[in-house]
């Protein structure tokens, strides 16, 4: 239990940096937008939607419509993992901390664009 509080404390110290905090805010905004866009258009989606564009065209790309909620869930997971890794670096890896925060933001933004394109094409 003590270890959990130490981890949460180090993550809190991480967010004291203005640059990291600004990136975190943008990241949370993109996560929120992902959820809102998907929730708003979910009722108009067909039963199966194309999600796996790296697969060959056709049935292999299709998944159940509820699987689109995986985009914000995976984005949130990446954010949490990167924040955990960044919190272990502390002050000695300031550049890497910012790079991890930016990587989370880029991932969330790309997931937002992907989700928006999917719901706008099929919804």
C-alpha atoms as a PDB file:
ATOM      1  CA  UNK A   1       0.000   0.000   0.000  1.00  0.00           C
ATOM      2  CA  UNK A   2       2.874   2.324   0.808  1.00  0.00           C
ATOM      3  CA  UNK A   3       4.388   1.674  -2.614  1.00  0.00           C
ATOM      4  CA  UNK A   4       1.139   2.733  -4.323  1.00  0.00           C
ATOM      5  CA  UNK A   5       1.176   6.049  -2.450  1.00  0.00           C
ATOM      6  CA  UNK A   6       4.815   6.583  -3.431  1.00  0.00           C
ATOM      7  CA  UNK A   7       3.947   5.992  -7.101  1.00  0.00           C
ATOM      8  CA  UNK A   8       0.957   8.354  -6.939  1.00  0.00           C
ATOM      9  CA  UNK A   9       3.104  10.962  -5.215  1.00  0.00           C
ATOM     10  CA  UNK A  10       5.764  10.731  -7.920  1.00  0.00           C
ATOM     11  CA  UNK A  11       3.104  11.068 -10.626  1.00  0.00           C
ATOM     12  CA  UNK A  12       1.769  14.148  -8.817  1.00  0.00           C
ATOM     13  CA  UNK A  13       5.264  15.645  -8.788  1.00  0.00           C
ATOM     14  CA  UNK A  14       5.515  14.900 -12.493  1.00  0.00           C
ATOM     15  CA  UNK A  15       2.419  17.039 -13.135  1.00  0.00           C
ATOM     16  CA  UNK A  16       3.933  20.006 -11.286  1.00  0.00           C
ATOM     17  CA  UNK A  17       5.979  20.699 -14.409  1.00  0.00           C
ATOM     18  CA  UNK A  18       4.028  23.227 -16.505  1.00  0.00           C
ATOM     19  CA  UNK A  19       4.990  21.653 -19.838  1.00  0.00           C
ATOM     20  CA  UNK A  20       3.947  18.165 -18.789  1.00  0.00           C
ATOM     21  CA  UNK A  21       0.743  19.511 -17.247  1.00  0.00           C
ATOM     22  CA  UNK A  22      -0.163  21.365 -20.457  1.00  0.00           C
ATOM     23  CA  UNK A  23       0.428  18.218 -22.507  1.00  0.00           C
ATOM     24  CA  UNK A  24      -1.641  16.202 -20.022  1.00  0.00           C
ATOM     25  CA  UNK A  25      -4.536  18.654 -20.352  1.00  0.00           C
ATOM     26  CA  UNK A  26      -4.481  18.359 -24.149  1.00  0.00           C
ATOM     27  CA  UNK A  27      -4.291  14.601 -23.809  1.00  0.00           C
ATOM     28  CA  UNK A  28      -7.318  14.511 -21.515  1.00  0.00           C
ATOM     29  CA  UNK A  29      -9.171  16.783 -23.946  1.00  0.00           C
ATOM     30  CA  UNK A  30      -8.519  14.408 -26.859  1.00  0.00           C
ATOM     31  CA  UNK A  31      -9.579  11.457 -24.704  1.00  0.00           C
ATOM     32  CA  UNK A  32     -12.786  13.242 -23.788  1.00  0.00           C
ATOM     33  CA  UNK A  33     -13.453  14.158 -27.414  1.00  0.00           C
ATOM     34  CA  UNK A  34     -12.951  10.538 -28.438  1.00  0.00           C
ATOM     35  CA  UNK A  35     -15.530   9.403 -25.928  1.00  0.00           C
ATOM     36  CA  UNK A  36     -18.009  12.135 -26.865  1.00  0.00           C
ATOM     37  CA  UNK A  37     -17.746  11.553 -30.627  1.00  0.00           C
ATOM     38  CA  UNK A  38     -18.117   7.796 -30.281  1.00  0.00           C
ATOM     39  CA  UNK A  39     -20.957   8.036 -27.751  1.00  0.00           C
ATOM     40  CA  UNK A  40     -22.779  10.637 -29.850  1.00  0.00           C
ATOM     41  CA  UNK A  41     -22.648   8.630 -33.085  1.00  0.00           C
ATOM     42  CA  UNK A  42     -22.821   5.120 -31.618  1.00  0.00           C
ATOM     43  CA  UNK A  43     -26.561   4.665 -32.129  1.00  0.00           C
ATOM     44  CA  UNK A  44     -26.231   5.420 -35.852  1.00  0.00           C
ATOM     45  CA  UNK A  45     -23.393   2.934 -36.447  1.00  0.00           C
ATOM     46  CA  UNK A  46     -24.073  -0.313 -38.295  1.00  0.00           C
ATOM     47  CA  UNK A  47     -23.631  -3.627 -36.436  1.00  0.00           C
ATOM     48  CA  UNK A  48     -20.132  -4.064 -37.902  1.00  0.00           C
ATOM     49  CA  UNK A  49     -17.614  -1.313 -38.611  1.00  0.00           C
ATOM     50  CA  UNK A  50     -14.160  -1.270 -40.255  1.00  0.00           C
ATOM     51  CA  UNK A  51     -11.507  -0.910 -37.586  1.00  0.00           C
ATOM     52  CA  UNK A  52      -8.498  -2.905 -38.775  1.00  0.00           C
ATOM     53  CA  UNK A  53      -7.342  -1.018 -41.859  1.00  0.00           C
ATOM     54  CA  UNK A  54      -4.025  -2.871 -41.943  1.00  0.00           C
ATOM     55  CA  UNK A  55      -5.858  -6.066 -42.940  1.00  0.00           C
ATOM     56  CA  UNK A  56      -6.928  -6.886 -46.478  1.00  0.00           C
ATOM     57  CA  UNK A  57     -10.104  -5.189 -47.647  1.00  0.00           C
ATOM     58  CA  UNK A  58     -13.290  -7.013 -46.729  1.00  0.00           C
ATOM     59  CA  UNK A  59     -14.596  -9.049 -43.817  1.00  0.00           C
ATOM     60  CA  UNK A  60     -11.210  -9.078 -42.041  1.00  0.00           C
ATOM     61  CA  UNK A  61     -11.435  -5.351 -41.299  1.00  0.00           C
ATOM     62  CA  UNK A  62     -14.855  -5.533 -39.680  1.00  0.00           C
ATOM     63  CA  UNK A  63     -15.565  -5.761 -35.960  1.00  0.00           C
ATOM     64  CA  UNK A  64     -18.639  -5.360 -33.792  1.00  0.00           C
ATOM     65  CA  UNK A  65     -19.587  -1.686 -33.392  1.00  0.00           C
ATOM     66  CA  UNK A  66     -18.937  -1.663 -29.630  1.00  0.00           C
ATOM     67  CA  UNK A  67     -15.267  -2.391 -30.304  1.00  0.00           C
ATOM     68  CA  UNK A  68     -14.791   1.261 -31.294  1.00  0.00           C
ATOM     69  CA  UNK A  69     -14.778   2.069 -27.576  1.00  0.00           C
ATOM     70  CA  UNK A  70     -11.392   0.347 -27.561  1.00  0.00           C
ATOM     71  CA  UNK A  71      -9.812   3.452 -29.097  1.00  0.00           C
ATOM     72  CA  UNK A  72     -10.248   5.720 -26.048  1.00  0.00           C
ATOM     73  CA  UNK A  73      -9.585   2.804 -23.682  1.00  0.00           C
ATOM     74  CA  UNK A  74      -6.258   2.044 -25.364  1.00  0.00           C
ATOM     75  CA  UNK A  75      -5.410   5.769 -25.434  1.00  0.00           C
ATOM     76  CA  UNK A  76      -6.076   6.007 -21.704  1.00  0.00           C
ATOM     77  CA  UNK A  77      -3.954   2.900 -21.100  1.00  0.00           C
ATOM     78  CA  UNK A  78      -1.047   4.411 -23.060  1.00  0.00           C
ATOM     79  CA  UNK A  79      -1.411   7.638 -21.067  1.00  0.00           C
ATOM     80  CA  UNK A  80      -1.348   5.797 -17.734  1.00  0.00           C
ATOM     81  CA  UNK A  81       1.614   3.599 -18.667  1.00  0.00           C
ATOM     82  CA  UNK A  82       3.639   6.525 -20.035  1.00  0.00           C
ATOM     83  CA  UNK A  83       2.893   8.604 -16.936  1.00  0.00           C
ATOM     84  CA  UNK A  84       3.957   5.710 -14.730  1.00  0.00           C
ATOM     85  CA  UNK A  85       7.219   5.300 -16.669  1.00  0.00           C
ATOM     86  CA  UNK A  86       7.818   9.055 -16.649  1.00  0.00           C
ATOM     87  CA  UNK A  87       7.255   9.226 -12.889  1.00  0.00           C
ATOM     88  CA  UNK A  88      10.041   6.714 -12.313  1.00  0.00           C
ATOM     89  CA  UNK A  89      12.517   8.879 -14.243  1.00  0.00           C
ATOM     90  CA  UNK A  90      12.173  11.946 -12.042  1.00  0.00           C
ATOM     91  CA  UNK A  91      14.261  15.026 -12.720  1.00  0.00           C
ATOM     92  CA  UNK A  92      17.158  13.159 -14.304  1.00  0.00           C
ATOM     93  CA  UNK A  93      15.207  12.317 -17.445  1.00  0.00           C
ATOM     94  CA  UNK A  94      13.338  15.596 -18.025  1.00  0.00           C
ATOM     95  CA  UNK A  95      13.562  15.367 -21.813  1.00  0.00           C
ATOM     96  CA  UNK A  96      12.382  11.777 -21.816  1.00  0.00           C
ATOM     97  CA  UNK A  97       9.482  12.688 -19.522  1.00  0.00           C
ATOM     98  CA  UNK A  98       8.300  15.322 -22.004  1.00  0.00           C
ATOM     99  CA  UNK A  99       8.799  12.893 -24.897  1.00  0.00           C
ATOM    100  CA  UNK A 100       6.661  10.263 -23.150  1.00  0.00           C
ATOM    101  CA  UNK A 101       3.936  12.833 -22.505  1.00  0.00           C
ATOM    102  CA  UNK A 102       4.051  13.931 -26.149  1.00  0.00           C
ATOM    103  CA  UNK A 103       3.929  10.309 -27.325  1.00  0.00           C
ATOM    104  CA  UNK A 104       0.740   9.815 -25.313  1.00  0.00           C
ATOM    105  CA  UNK A 105      -0.754  12.967 -26.809  1.00  0.00           C
ATOM    106  CA  UNK A 106       0.143  11.957 -30.361  1.00  0.00           C
ATOM    107  CA  UNK A 107      -1.310   8.491 -29.808  1.00  0.00           C
ATOM    108  CA  UNK A 108      -4.541   9.958 -28.409  1.00  0.00           C
ATOM    109  CA  UNK A 109      -4.810  12.455 -31.255  1.00  0.00           C
ATOM    110  CA  UNK A 110      -4.343   9.746 -33.884  1.00  0.00           C
ATOM    111  CA  UNK A 111      -6.956   7.590 -32.144  1.00  0.00           C
ATOM    112  CA  UNK A 112      -9.312  10.592 -32.150  1.00  0.00           C
ATOM    113  CA  UNK A 113      -8.803  11.114 -35.883  1.00  0.00           C
ATOM    114  CA  UNK A 114      -9.268   7.392 -36.546  1.00  0.00           C
ATOM    115  CA  UNK A 115     -12.449   7.214 -34.494  1.00  0.00           C
ATOM    116  CA  UNK A 116     -13.836  10.348 -36.096  1.00  0.00           C
ATOM    117  CA  UNK A 117     -13.128   9.055 -39.597  1.00  0.00           C
ATOM    118  CA  UNK A 118     -14.754   5.712 -38.841  1.00  0.00           C
ATOM    119  CA  UNK A 119     -17.938   7.219 -37.416  1.00  0.00           C
ATOM    120  CA  UNK A 120     -18.154   9.820 -40.174  1.00  0.00           C
ATOM    121  CA  UNK A 121     -17.753   7.216 -42.935  1.00  0.00           C
ATOM    122  CA  UNK A 122     -20.105   4.549 -41.631  1.00  0.00           C
ATOM    123  CA  UNK A 123     -22.377   6.518 -39.289  1.00  0.00           C
END
